[in-house]
N, C-alpha and C. Protein backbone atom coordinates (compact mmCIF):
# COMPACT_ATOMS: atom_id res chain seq x y z
N UNK A 1 15.90 -16.81 -20.45
CA UNK A 1 15.12 -15.65 -20.12
C UNK A 1 14.94 -15.61 -18.60
N UNK A 2 15.07 -14.44 -18.03
CA UNK A 2 14.97 -14.25 -16.58
C UNK A 2 13.52 -14.09 -16.17
N UNK A 3 13.08 -14.79 -15.15
CA UNK A 3 11.71 -14.69 -14.65
C UNK A 3 11.66 -13.99 -13.31
N UNK A 4 11.36 -12.70 -13.31
CA UNK A 4 11.37 -11.91 -12.08
C UNK A 4 10.34 -12.41 -11.06
N UNK A 5 9.24 -12.98 -11.52
CA UNK A 5 8.20 -13.44 -10.60
C UNK A 5 8.70 -14.58 -9.71
N UNK A 6 9.73 -15.29 -10.13
CA UNK A 6 10.28 -16.38 -9.35
C UNK A 6 11.41 -15.91 -8.43
N UNK A 7 11.74 -14.65 -8.49
CA UNK A 7 12.84 -14.10 -7.69
C UNK A 7 12.44 -14.02 -6.21
N UNK A 8 13.37 -14.36 -5.33
CA UNK A 8 13.13 -14.22 -3.90
C UNK A 8 13.13 -12.74 -3.53
N UNK A 9 12.28 -12.38 -2.57
CA UNK A 9 12.25 -11.00 -2.11
C UNK A 9 13.55 -10.66 -1.40
N UNK A 10 13.95 -9.40 -1.45
CA UNK A 10 15.17 -8.99 -0.74
C UNK A 10 15.03 -9.22 0.76
N UNK A 11 16.15 -9.41 1.42
CA UNK A 11 16.16 -9.60 2.87
C UNK A 11 16.14 -8.23 3.54
N UNK A 12 14.96 -7.62 3.55
CA UNK A 12 14.79 -6.30 4.15
C UNK A 12 13.60 -6.37 5.09
N UNK A 13 13.61 -5.59 6.18
CA UNK A 13 12.52 -5.65 7.16
C UNK A 13 11.13 -5.44 6.57
N UNK A 14 10.99 -4.65 5.53
CA UNK A 14 9.68 -4.36 4.95
C UNK A 14 9.03 -5.61 4.35
N UNK A 15 9.83 -6.60 3.98
CA UNK A 15 9.30 -7.82 3.38
C UNK A 15 9.03 -8.92 4.40
N UNK A 16 9.21 -8.64 5.69
CA UNK A 16 8.97 -9.60 6.75
C UNK A 16 7.49 -9.98 6.75
N UNK A 17 7.20 -11.28 6.79
CA UNK A 17 5.82 -11.76 6.70
C UNK A 17 4.96 -11.25 7.85
N UNK A 18 5.50 -11.22 9.06
CA UNK A 18 4.73 -10.73 10.22
C UNK A 18 4.36 -9.26 10.03
N UNK A 19 5.30 -8.47 9.52
CA UNK A 19 5.03 -7.05 9.28
C UNK A 19 3.96 -6.89 8.20
N UNK A 20 4.07 -7.65 7.13
CA UNK A 20 3.09 -7.56 6.05
C UNK A 20 1.69 -7.94 6.55
N UNK A 21 1.60 -8.97 7.38
CA UNK A 21 0.31 -9.37 7.95
C UNK A 21 -0.25 -8.27 8.84
N UNK A 22 0.61 -7.69 9.68
CA UNK A 22 0.17 -6.61 10.57
C UNK A 22 -0.31 -5.41 9.77
N UNK A 23 0.38 -5.06 8.69
CA UNK A 23 -0.04 -3.93 7.86
C UNK A 23 -1.40 -4.18 7.21
N UNK A 24 -1.64 -5.41 6.75
CA UNK A 24 -2.94 -5.74 6.17
C UNK A 24 -4.04 -5.63 7.23
N UNK A 25 -3.76 -6.08 8.45
CA UNK A 25 -4.74 -6.00 9.53
C UNK A 25 -5.04 -4.55 9.89
N UNK A 26 -4.02 -3.72 9.97
CA UNK A 26 -4.21 -2.30 10.29
C UNK A 26 -5.05 -1.63 9.20
N UNK A 27 -4.76 -1.95 7.94
CA UNK A 27 -5.53 -1.37 6.84
C UNK A 27 -7.00 -1.77 6.95
N UNK A 28 -7.25 -3.02 7.29
CA UNK A 28 -8.62 -3.49 7.46
C UNK A 28 -9.31 -2.76 8.62
N UNK A 29 -8.61 -2.60 9.72
CA UNK A 29 -9.16 -1.90 10.87
C UNK A 29 -9.43 -0.43 10.56
N UNK A 30 -8.56 0.18 9.78
CA UNK A 30 -8.80 1.57 9.38
C UNK A 30 -10.06 1.68 8.53
N UNK A 31 -10.29 0.69 7.68
CA UNK A 31 -11.51 0.68 6.87
C UNK A 31 -12.76 0.60 7.74
N UNK A 32 -12.69 -0.23 8.79
CA UNK A 32 -13.82 -0.34 9.71
C UNK A 32 -14.02 0.98 10.47
N UNK A 33 -12.92 1.57 10.92
CA UNK A 33 -13.00 2.84 11.63
C UNK A 33 -13.56 3.94 10.74
N UNK A 34 -13.16 3.94 9.48
CA UNK A 34 -13.69 4.91 8.52
C UNK A 34 -15.21 4.79 8.42
N UNK A 35 -15.69 3.57 8.36
CA UNK A 35 -17.12 3.33 8.26
C UNK A 35 -17.86 3.84 9.50
N UNK A 36 -17.29 3.58 10.66
CA UNK A 36 -17.92 4.01 11.92
C UNK A 36 -17.92 5.53 12.03
N UNK A 37 -16.77 6.17 11.77
CA UNK A 37 -16.70 7.63 11.88
C UNK A 37 -17.59 8.28 10.83
N UNK A 38 -17.67 7.69 9.64
CA UNK A 38 -18.46 8.25 8.56
C UNK A 38 -19.94 8.36 8.89
N UNK A 39 -20.41 7.52 9.81
CA UNK A 39 -21.82 7.56 10.23
C UNK A 39 -22.09 8.68 11.23
N UNK A 40 -21.05 9.26 11.76
CA UNK A 40 -21.21 10.34 12.75
C UNK A 40 -21.60 11.63 12.02
N UNK A 41 -22.66 12.29 12.44
CA UNK A 41 -23.13 13.50 11.74
C UNK A 41 -22.08 14.61 11.63
N UNK A 42 -21.20 14.72 12.62
CA UNK A 42 -20.22 15.82 12.55
C UNK A 42 -19.00 15.48 11.69
N UNK A 43 -18.97 14.26 11.13
CA UNK A 43 -17.87 13.89 10.25
C UNK A 43 -17.87 14.74 8.98
N UNK A 44 -19.03 15.29 8.61
CA UNK A 44 -19.11 16.13 7.42
C UNK A 44 -18.97 17.62 7.73
N UNK A 45 -18.81 17.95 9.01
CA UNK A 45 -18.62 19.35 9.42
C UNK A 45 -17.13 19.67 9.37
N UNK A 46 -16.72 20.42 8.35
CA UNK A 46 -15.30 20.72 8.14
C UNK A 46 -14.65 21.46 9.31
N UNK A 47 -15.44 22.00 10.21
CA UNK A 47 -14.91 22.71 11.37
C UNK A 47 -14.56 21.77 12.53
N UNK A 48 -15.04 20.53 12.48
CA UNK A 48 -14.84 19.63 13.61
C UNK A 48 -13.55 18.82 13.48
N UNK A 49 -13.03 18.44 14.63
CA UNK A 49 -11.85 17.58 14.65
C UNK A 49 -12.19 16.18 14.16
N UNK A 50 -13.43 15.77 14.36
CA UNK A 50 -13.88 14.46 13.87
C UNK A 50 -13.80 14.42 12.35
N UNK A 51 -14.15 15.52 11.72
CA UNK A 51 -14.08 15.59 10.26
C UNK A 51 -12.65 15.43 9.78
N UNK A 52 -11.72 16.11 10.45
CA UNK A 52 -10.30 16.00 10.07
C UNK A 52 -9.80 14.57 10.29
N UNK A 53 -10.20 13.97 11.40
CA UNK A 53 -9.81 12.59 11.69
C UNK A 53 -10.40 11.64 10.65
N UNK A 54 -11.66 11.86 10.30
CA UNK A 54 -12.33 11.03 9.29
C UNK A 54 -11.57 11.08 7.96
N UNK A 55 -11.17 12.26 7.55
CA UNK A 55 -10.44 12.41 6.29
C UNK A 55 -9.10 11.68 6.34
N UNK A 56 -8.41 11.78 7.47
CA UNK A 56 -7.12 11.09 7.62
C UNK A 56 -7.30 9.58 7.57
N UNK A 57 -8.28 9.09 8.31
CA UNK A 57 -8.53 7.64 8.35
C UNK A 57 -8.94 7.14 6.97
N UNK A 58 -9.81 7.89 6.28
CA UNK A 58 -10.23 7.49 4.94
C UNK A 58 -9.04 7.42 4.00
N UNK A 59 -8.18 8.41 4.07
CA UNK A 59 -6.97 8.45 3.23
C UNK A 59 -6.08 7.24 3.50
N UNK A 60 -5.85 6.95 4.76
CA UNK A 60 -4.97 5.85 5.13
C UNK A 60 -5.60 4.49 4.82
N UNK A 61 -6.90 4.37 4.97
CA UNK A 61 -7.59 3.11 4.69
C UNK A 61 -7.55 2.77 3.20
N UNK A 62 -7.43 3.79 2.35
CA UNK A 62 -7.41 3.57 0.90
C UNK A 62 -6.01 3.41 0.34
N UNK A 63 -5.00 3.45 1.20
CA UNK A 63 -3.61 3.33 0.75
C UNK A 63 -3.39 2.00 0.05
N UNK A 64 -2.76 2.05 -1.08
CA UNK A 64 -2.38 0.85 -1.82
C UNK A 64 -0.90 0.95 -2.14
N UNK A 65 -0.17 -0.09 -1.84
CA UNK A 65 1.23 -0.09 -2.21
C UNK A 65 1.39 -0.86 -3.51
N UNK A 66 2.42 -0.52 -4.28
CA UNK A 66 2.59 -1.18 -5.57
C UNK A 66 2.87 -2.68 -5.42
N UNK A 67 2.32 -3.46 -6.31
CA UNK A 67 2.57 -4.90 -6.29
C UNK A 67 3.71 -5.29 -7.23
N UNK A 68 4.25 -4.32 -7.91
CA UNK A 68 5.37 -4.57 -8.82
C UNK A 68 6.56 -3.71 -8.43
N UNK A 69 7.67 -4.04 -8.97
CA UNK A 69 8.88 -3.24 -8.76
C UNK A 69 9.33 -2.69 -10.10
N UNK A 70 9.96 -1.55 -10.05
CA UNK A 70 10.51 -0.95 -11.26
C UNK A 70 11.99 -1.30 -11.32
N UNK A 71 12.40 -1.81 -12.45
CA UNK A 71 13.81 -2.15 -12.64
C UNK A 71 14.31 -1.48 -13.92
N UNK A 72 15.59 -1.33 -14.04
CA UNK A 72 16.17 -0.72 -15.23
C UNK A 72 17.28 -1.59 -15.79
N UNK A 73 17.52 -1.44 -17.06
CA UNK A 73 18.58 -2.18 -17.73
C UNK A 73 19.55 -1.20 -18.35
N UNK A 74 20.80 -1.55 -18.28
CA UNK A 74 21.83 -0.72 -18.89
C UNK A 74 22.51 -1.58 -19.95
N UNK A 75 22.63 -1.04 -21.13
CA UNK A 75 23.30 -1.78 -22.20
C UNK A 75 22.83 -1.32 -23.56
N UNK A 76 23.44 -1.88 -24.56
CA UNK A 76 23.07 -1.54 -25.93
C UNK A 76 21.68 -2.08 -26.25
N UNK A 77 20.97 -1.36 -27.07
CA UNK A 77 19.63 -1.75 -27.46
C UNK A 77 19.66 -3.03 -28.29
N UNK A 78 18.68 -3.92 -28.00
CA UNK A 78 18.50 -5.12 -28.81
C UNK A 78 19.51 -6.24 -28.56
N UNK A 79 20.14 -6.27 -27.39
CA UNK A 79 21.12 -7.32 -27.14
C UNK A 79 20.64 -8.35 -26.13
N UNK A 80 19.33 -8.49 -25.98
CA UNK A 80 18.80 -9.58 -25.18
C UNK A 80 18.37 -9.23 -23.77
N UNK A 81 17.80 -8.07 -23.56
CA UNK A 81 17.34 -7.70 -22.22
C UNK A 81 15.93 -8.24 -21.98
N UNK A 82 15.66 -9.49 -22.33
CA UNK A 82 14.32 -10.08 -22.16
C UNK A 82 14.04 -10.29 -20.66
N UNK A 83 12.81 -10.00 -20.29
CA UNK A 83 12.37 -10.23 -18.91
C UNK A 83 10.93 -10.67 -18.93
N UNK A 84 10.56 -11.50 -17.99
CA UNK A 84 9.19 -12.00 -17.89
C UNK A 84 8.61 -11.56 -16.56
């Protein structure tokens, strides 16, 4: 039986550890910025640029990327496509 969880990540720039660390740090900083901007009274004024910025930062701070991958199998049904 094939164990996908033990599979090495592809050799692609997006899986680079330094990049992944930087992305986590940026997400954390965006969360802090969201909190700071959210305390500003004009953040709730839809006419202000601060409000538009607040919405963008909030959206980006809440971004979650998938922790799983989608894979497909080609073949006849029931011939051993077991995966863990």
